[in-house]
N, C-alpha and C. Protein backbone atom coordinates (compact mmCIF):
# COMPACT_ATOMS: atom_id res chain seq x y z
N UNK A 1 -49.83 -1.82 -81.51
CA UNK A 1 -48.46 -2.24 -81.69
C UNK A 1 -47.55 -1.21 -81.15
N UNK A 2 -46.52 -1.61 -80.43
CA UNK A 2 -45.56 -0.68 -79.78
C UNK A 2 -44.52 -0.24 -80.80
N UNK A 3 -44.21 1.02 -80.80
CA UNK A 3 -43.16 1.50 -81.66
C UNK A 3 -41.81 1.07 -81.27
N UNK A 4 -40.91 0.94 -82.15
CA UNK A 4 -39.49 0.49 -81.73
C UNK A 4 -38.87 1.56 -80.88
N UNK A 5 -37.88 1.16 -80.11
CA UNK A 5 -37.17 2.05 -79.25
C UNK A 5 -36.38 3.04 -80.09
N UNK A 6 -35.99 2.69 -81.34
CA UNK A 6 -35.21 3.51 -82.20
C UNK A 6 -35.95 4.87 -82.42
N UNK A 7 -37.21 4.75 -82.67
CA UNK A 7 -37.95 6.01 -82.99
C UNK A 7 -38.15 6.90 -81.70
N UNK A 8 -37.92 6.31 -80.55
CA UNK A 8 -38.05 7.12 -79.25
C UNK A 8 -36.72 7.74 -78.82
N UNK A 9 -35.61 7.48 -79.49
CA UNK A 9 -34.43 8.11 -79.13
C UNK A 9 -34.30 9.56 -79.47
N UNK A 10 -33.63 10.39 -78.63
CA UNK A 10 -33.62 11.84 -78.87
C UNK A 10 -32.56 12.27 -79.79
N UNK A 11 -32.58 11.96 -81.06
CA UNK A 11 -31.61 12.52 -82.01
C UNK A 11 -32.31 12.77 -83.29
N UNK A 12 -31.68 13.70 -84.07
CA UNK A 12 -32.33 14.15 -85.39
C UNK A 12 -31.39 13.93 -86.60
N UNK A 13 -30.30 13.25 -86.38
CA UNK A 13 -29.37 13.02 -87.48
C UNK A 13 -28.72 11.66 -87.41
N UNK A 14 -28.26 11.17 -88.53
CA UNK A 14 -27.55 9.93 -88.56
C UNK A 14 -26.23 10.15 -89.38
N UNK A 15 -25.09 9.96 -88.67
CA UNK A 15 -23.80 10.15 -89.39
C UNK A 15 -23.43 8.89 -90.11
N UNK A 16 -22.82 9.05 -91.31
CA UNK A 16 -22.36 7.92 -92.08
C UNK A 16 -20.83 7.93 -91.93
N UNK A 17 -20.28 6.81 -91.38
CA UNK A 17 -18.84 6.71 -91.06
C UNK A 17 -17.99 6.87 -92.34
N UNK A 18 -16.82 7.50 -92.06
CA UNK A 18 -15.84 7.68 -93.22
C UNK A 18 -15.53 6.39 -93.88
N UNK A 19 -15.56 5.30 -93.29
CA UNK A 19 -15.25 4.03 -93.96
C UNK A 19 -16.20 3.77 -95.14
N UNK A 20 -17.46 4.19 -94.99
CA UNK A 20 -18.43 4.05 -96.11
C UNK A 20 -18.35 5.11 -97.12
N UNK A 21 -17.95 6.29 -96.74
CA UNK A 21 -17.82 7.50 -97.57
C UNK A 21 -16.65 7.33 -98.63
N UNK A 22 -15.57 6.66 -98.10
CA UNK A 22 -14.34 6.51 -98.84
C UNK A 22 -14.66 5.87 -100.22
N UNK A 23 -14.30 6.57 -101.26
CA UNK A 23 -14.46 6.09 -102.67
C UNK A 23 -15.93 5.67 -102.99
N UNK A 24 -16.85 6.31 -102.34
CA UNK A 24 -18.27 5.97 -102.67
C UNK A 24 -18.63 6.34 -104.10
N UNK A 25 -17.78 7.14 -104.78
CA UNK A 25 -17.97 7.53 -106.16
C UNK A 25 -17.57 6.43 -107.06
N UNK A 26 -16.71 5.47 -106.62
CA UNK A 26 -16.25 4.42 -107.52
C UNK A 26 -16.46 3.00 -107.00
N UNK A 27 -16.66 2.88 -105.71
CA UNK A 27 -16.85 1.60 -105.10
C UNK A 27 -18.33 1.28 -104.97
N UNK A 28 -18.79 0.30 -105.63
CA UNK A 28 -20.27 -0.09 -105.70
C UNK A 28 -20.76 -0.43 -104.30
N UNK A 29 -19.97 -1.09 -103.53
CA UNK A 29 -20.41 -1.56 -102.21
C UNK A 29 -20.57 -0.31 -101.28
N UNK A 30 -19.56 0.48 -101.27
CA UNK A 30 -19.69 1.71 -100.43
C UNK A 30 -20.82 2.62 -100.82
N UNK A 31 -20.97 2.77 -102.18
CA UNK A 31 -22.03 3.62 -102.63
C UNK A 31 -23.45 3.01 -102.23
N UNK A 32 -23.54 1.71 -102.33
CA UNK A 32 -24.78 1.05 -101.90
C UNK A 32 -25.01 1.15 -100.48
N UNK A 33 -24.02 1.10 -99.63
CA UNK A 33 -24.18 1.24 -98.16
C UNK A 33 -24.64 2.65 -97.84
N UNK A 34 -24.00 3.65 -98.54
CA UNK A 34 -24.41 5.08 -98.31
C UNK A 34 -25.85 5.25 -98.74
N UNK A 35 -26.24 4.77 -99.86
CA UNK A 35 -27.66 4.89 -100.32
C UNK A 35 -28.59 4.29 -99.31
N UNK A 36 -28.29 3.14 -98.73
CA UNK A 36 -29.12 2.48 -97.80
C UNK A 36 -29.22 3.24 -96.51
N UNK A 37 -28.10 3.74 -96.01
CA UNK A 37 -28.06 4.46 -94.70
C UNK A 37 -28.88 5.83 -94.97
N UNK A 38 -28.64 6.52 -96.06
CA UNK A 38 -29.40 7.72 -96.34
C UNK A 38 -30.92 7.47 -96.45
N UNK A 39 -31.27 6.40 -97.12
CA UNK A 39 -32.72 6.06 -97.19
C UNK A 39 -33.27 5.76 -95.80
N UNK A 40 -32.49 5.03 -95.04
CA UNK A 40 -32.93 4.64 -93.70
C UNK A 40 -33.13 5.97 -92.84
N UNK A 41 -32.15 6.90 -92.93
CA UNK A 41 -32.30 8.16 -92.15
C UNK A 41 -33.55 8.86 -92.56
N UNK A 42 -33.75 9.03 -93.87
CA UNK A 42 -34.90 9.82 -94.39
C UNK A 42 -36.19 9.11 -93.97
N UNK A 43 -36.23 7.85 -93.98
CA UNK A 43 -37.45 7.13 -93.69
C UNK A 43 -37.90 7.42 -92.22
N UNK A 44 -36.94 7.66 -91.35
CA UNK A 44 -37.28 8.00 -89.94
C UNK A 44 -37.20 9.48 -89.65
N UNK A 45 -37.21 10.28 -90.77
CA UNK A 45 -37.20 11.72 -90.52
C UNK A 45 -35.86 12.29 -89.99
N UNK A 46 -34.83 11.64 -90.23
CA UNK A 46 -33.51 12.08 -89.76
C UNK A 46 -32.65 12.73 -90.86
N UNK A 47 -31.73 13.54 -90.51
CA UNK A 47 -30.80 14.17 -91.42
C UNK A 47 -29.68 13.15 -91.63
N UNK A 48 -29.27 12.96 -92.93
CA UNK A 48 -28.09 12.09 -93.20
C UNK A 48 -26.86 12.95 -93.30
N UNK A 49 -25.87 12.70 -92.51
CA UNK A 49 -24.67 13.49 -92.45
C UNK A 49 -23.44 12.57 -92.83
N UNK A 50 -22.75 12.96 -93.91
CA UNK A 50 -21.56 12.22 -94.39
C UNK A 50 -20.34 12.71 -93.59
N UNK A 51 -19.65 11.78 -93.04
CA UNK A 51 -18.43 12.12 -92.22
C UNK A 51 -17.14 11.75 -93.00
N UNK A 52 -16.24 12.72 -93.12
CA UNK A 52 -14.98 12.40 -93.73
C UNK A 52 -14.93 12.56 -95.27
N UNK A 53 -15.70 13.47 -95.84
CA UNK A 53 -15.63 13.69 -97.25
C UNK A 53 -14.27 14.30 -97.58
N UNK A 54 -13.51 13.75 -98.53
CA UNK A 54 -12.21 14.20 -98.86
C UNK A 54 -12.04 14.65 -100.31
N UNK A 55 -12.92 14.25 -101.22
CA UNK A 55 -12.71 14.53 -102.61
C UNK A 55 -14.05 15.20 -103.18
N UNK A 56 -13.87 16.05 -104.18
CA UNK A 56 -15.09 16.59 -104.93
C UNK A 56 -15.93 15.37 -105.47
N UNK A 57 -15.31 14.33 -105.92
CA UNK A 57 -16.06 13.24 -106.50
C UNK A 57 -16.92 12.56 -105.43
N UNK A 58 -16.37 12.39 -104.23
CA UNK A 58 -17.26 11.78 -103.17
C UNK A 58 -18.37 12.68 -102.86
N UNK A 59 -18.19 14.04 -102.78
CA UNK A 59 -19.17 14.99 -102.51
C UNK A 59 -20.29 14.95 -103.57
N UNK A 60 -19.91 14.92 -104.83
CA UNK A 60 -20.86 14.78 -105.94
C UNK A 60 -21.71 13.58 -105.82
N UNK A 61 -21.05 12.34 -105.60
CA UNK A 61 -21.80 11.18 -105.47
C UNK A 61 -22.77 11.17 -104.32
N UNK A 62 -22.38 11.76 -103.15
CA UNK A 62 -23.32 11.84 -102.02
C UNK A 62 -24.49 12.77 -102.31
N UNK A 63 -24.20 13.90 -102.96
CA UNK A 63 -25.28 14.80 -103.35
C UNK A 63 -26.35 14.05 -104.29
N UNK A 64 -25.79 13.31 -105.22
CA UNK A 64 -26.66 12.60 -106.19
C UNK A 64 -27.60 11.58 -105.55
N UNK A 65 -27.08 10.98 -104.41
CA UNK A 65 -27.89 9.98 -103.72
C UNK A 65 -28.69 10.54 -102.51
N UNK A 66 -28.70 11.86 -102.39
CA UNK A 66 -29.56 12.52 -101.50
C UNK A 66 -29.06 12.81 -100.07
N UNK A 67 -27.74 12.78 -99.91
CA UNK A 67 -27.20 13.07 -98.56
C UNK A 67 -27.46 14.49 -98.28
N UNK A 68 -27.81 14.78 -96.99
CA UNK A 68 -28.23 16.17 -96.58
C UNK A 68 -27.11 17.09 -96.35
N UNK A 69 -26.04 16.57 -95.69
CA UNK A 69 -24.92 17.48 -95.41
C UNK A 69 -23.70 16.66 -95.08
N UNK A 70 -22.57 17.26 -94.99
CA UNK A 70 -21.35 16.51 -94.80
C UNK A 70 -20.26 17.34 -94.12
N UNK A 71 -19.21 16.64 -93.80
CA UNK A 71 -18.12 17.28 -93.17
C UNK A 71 -16.83 16.52 -93.58
N UNK A 72 -15.68 17.15 -93.55
CA UNK A 72 -14.48 16.47 -93.89
C UNK A 72 -13.38 17.37 -94.35
N UNK A 73 -12.23 16.82 -94.69
CA UNK A 73 -11.06 17.59 -95.14
C UNK A 73 -11.34 18.40 -96.40
N UNK A 74 -12.29 17.94 -97.19
CA UNK A 74 -12.59 18.73 -98.42
C UNK A 74 -13.01 20.13 -98.10
N UNK A 75 -13.64 20.28 -96.97
CA UNK A 75 -14.19 21.57 -96.57
C UNK A 75 -13.17 22.35 -95.64
N UNK A 76 -12.59 21.63 -94.65
CA UNK A 76 -11.62 22.25 -93.75
C UNK A 76 -10.93 21.18 -92.91
N UNK A 77 -9.76 21.45 -92.53
CA UNK A 77 -9.03 20.59 -91.62
C UNK A 77 -9.53 20.85 -90.18
N UNK A 78 -9.38 19.90 -89.24
CA UNK A 78 -9.75 20.21 -87.86
C UNK A 78 -8.85 21.28 -87.36
N UNK A 79 -9.51 22.19 -86.54
CA UNK A 79 -8.79 23.37 -86.08
C UNK A 79 -9.35 23.82 -84.73
N UNK A 80 -8.55 24.58 -83.96
CA UNK A 80 -9.13 25.13 -82.72
C UNK A 80 -10.27 26.01 -83.00
N UNK A 81 -11.15 26.08 -82.01
CA UNK A 81 -12.40 26.97 -82.14
C UNK A 81 -12.02 28.41 -82.52
N UNK A 82 -10.94 28.97 -81.90
CA UNK A 82 -10.62 30.37 -82.15
C UNK A 82 -10.16 30.58 -83.66
N UNK A 83 -9.48 29.56 -84.22
CA UNK A 83 -9.10 29.68 -85.65
C UNK A 83 -10.29 29.57 -86.55
N UNK A 84 -11.24 28.66 -86.16
CA UNK A 84 -12.48 28.51 -87.01
C UNK A 84 -13.31 29.78 -86.95
N UNK A 85 -13.46 30.37 -85.79
CA UNK A 85 -14.26 31.61 -85.69
C UNK A 85 -13.58 32.78 -86.48
N UNK A 86 -12.27 32.88 -86.37
CA UNK A 86 -11.58 33.88 -87.12
C UNK A 86 -11.80 33.71 -88.64
N UNK A 87 -11.68 32.49 -89.11
CA UNK A 87 -11.84 32.13 -90.55
C UNK A 87 -13.27 32.45 -91.02
N UNK A 88 -14.27 32.13 -90.24
CA UNK A 88 -15.66 32.38 -90.58
C UNK A 88 -15.90 33.89 -90.61
N UNK A 89 -15.40 34.61 -89.62
CA UNK A 89 -15.52 36.05 -89.63
C UNK A 89 -14.90 36.70 -90.78
N UNK A 90 -13.70 36.22 -91.15
CA UNK A 90 -12.97 36.82 -92.32
C UNK A 90 -13.76 36.56 -93.59
N UNK A 91 -14.33 35.34 -93.74
CA UNK A 91 -15.07 35.01 -94.96
C UNK A 91 -16.35 35.88 -95.04
N UNK A 92 -16.98 36.12 -93.89
CA UNK A 92 -18.23 36.92 -93.83
C UNK A 92 -17.92 38.36 -94.27
N UNK A 93 -16.81 38.89 -93.93
CA UNK A 93 -16.43 40.27 -94.28
C UNK A 93 -15.94 40.39 -95.72
N UNK A 94 -15.48 39.34 -96.37
CA UNK A 94 -14.96 39.37 -97.71
C UNK A 94 -16.05 39.72 -98.69
N UNK A 95 -15.68 40.58 -99.71
CA UNK A 95 -16.70 40.91 -100.72
C UNK A 95 -17.02 39.66 -101.56
N UNK A 96 -18.28 39.54 -102.00
CA UNK A 96 -18.61 38.43 -102.86
C UNK A 96 -18.38 38.78 -104.36
N UNK A 97 -17.97 37.75 -105.11
CA UNK A 97 -17.81 37.97 -106.50
C UNK A 97 -19.13 38.09 -107.23
N UNK A 98 -19.22 39.00 -108.17
CA UNK A 98 -20.48 39.15 -108.89
C UNK A 98 -20.53 38.28 -110.05
């Protein structure tokens, strides 16, 4: 039996669109879609990436259903590369709280 073309494509992650992430903590339909997409990604050995996380509640819900990683305004606003690198460098130099 021939494998599907999907398994032959050269990618290792599957992004979940912001439209599904929005209110996934309270919207049953969006949460169900996220769960299905995450399960699909994992079944094919892909990383599930949530796009557009804006609230701590969305992040918590995504973690509970097994999402691997995410991006969005909750973590940082879009910014030029130079600002991002300066911010990361500054955080790396800051002392950690004990």
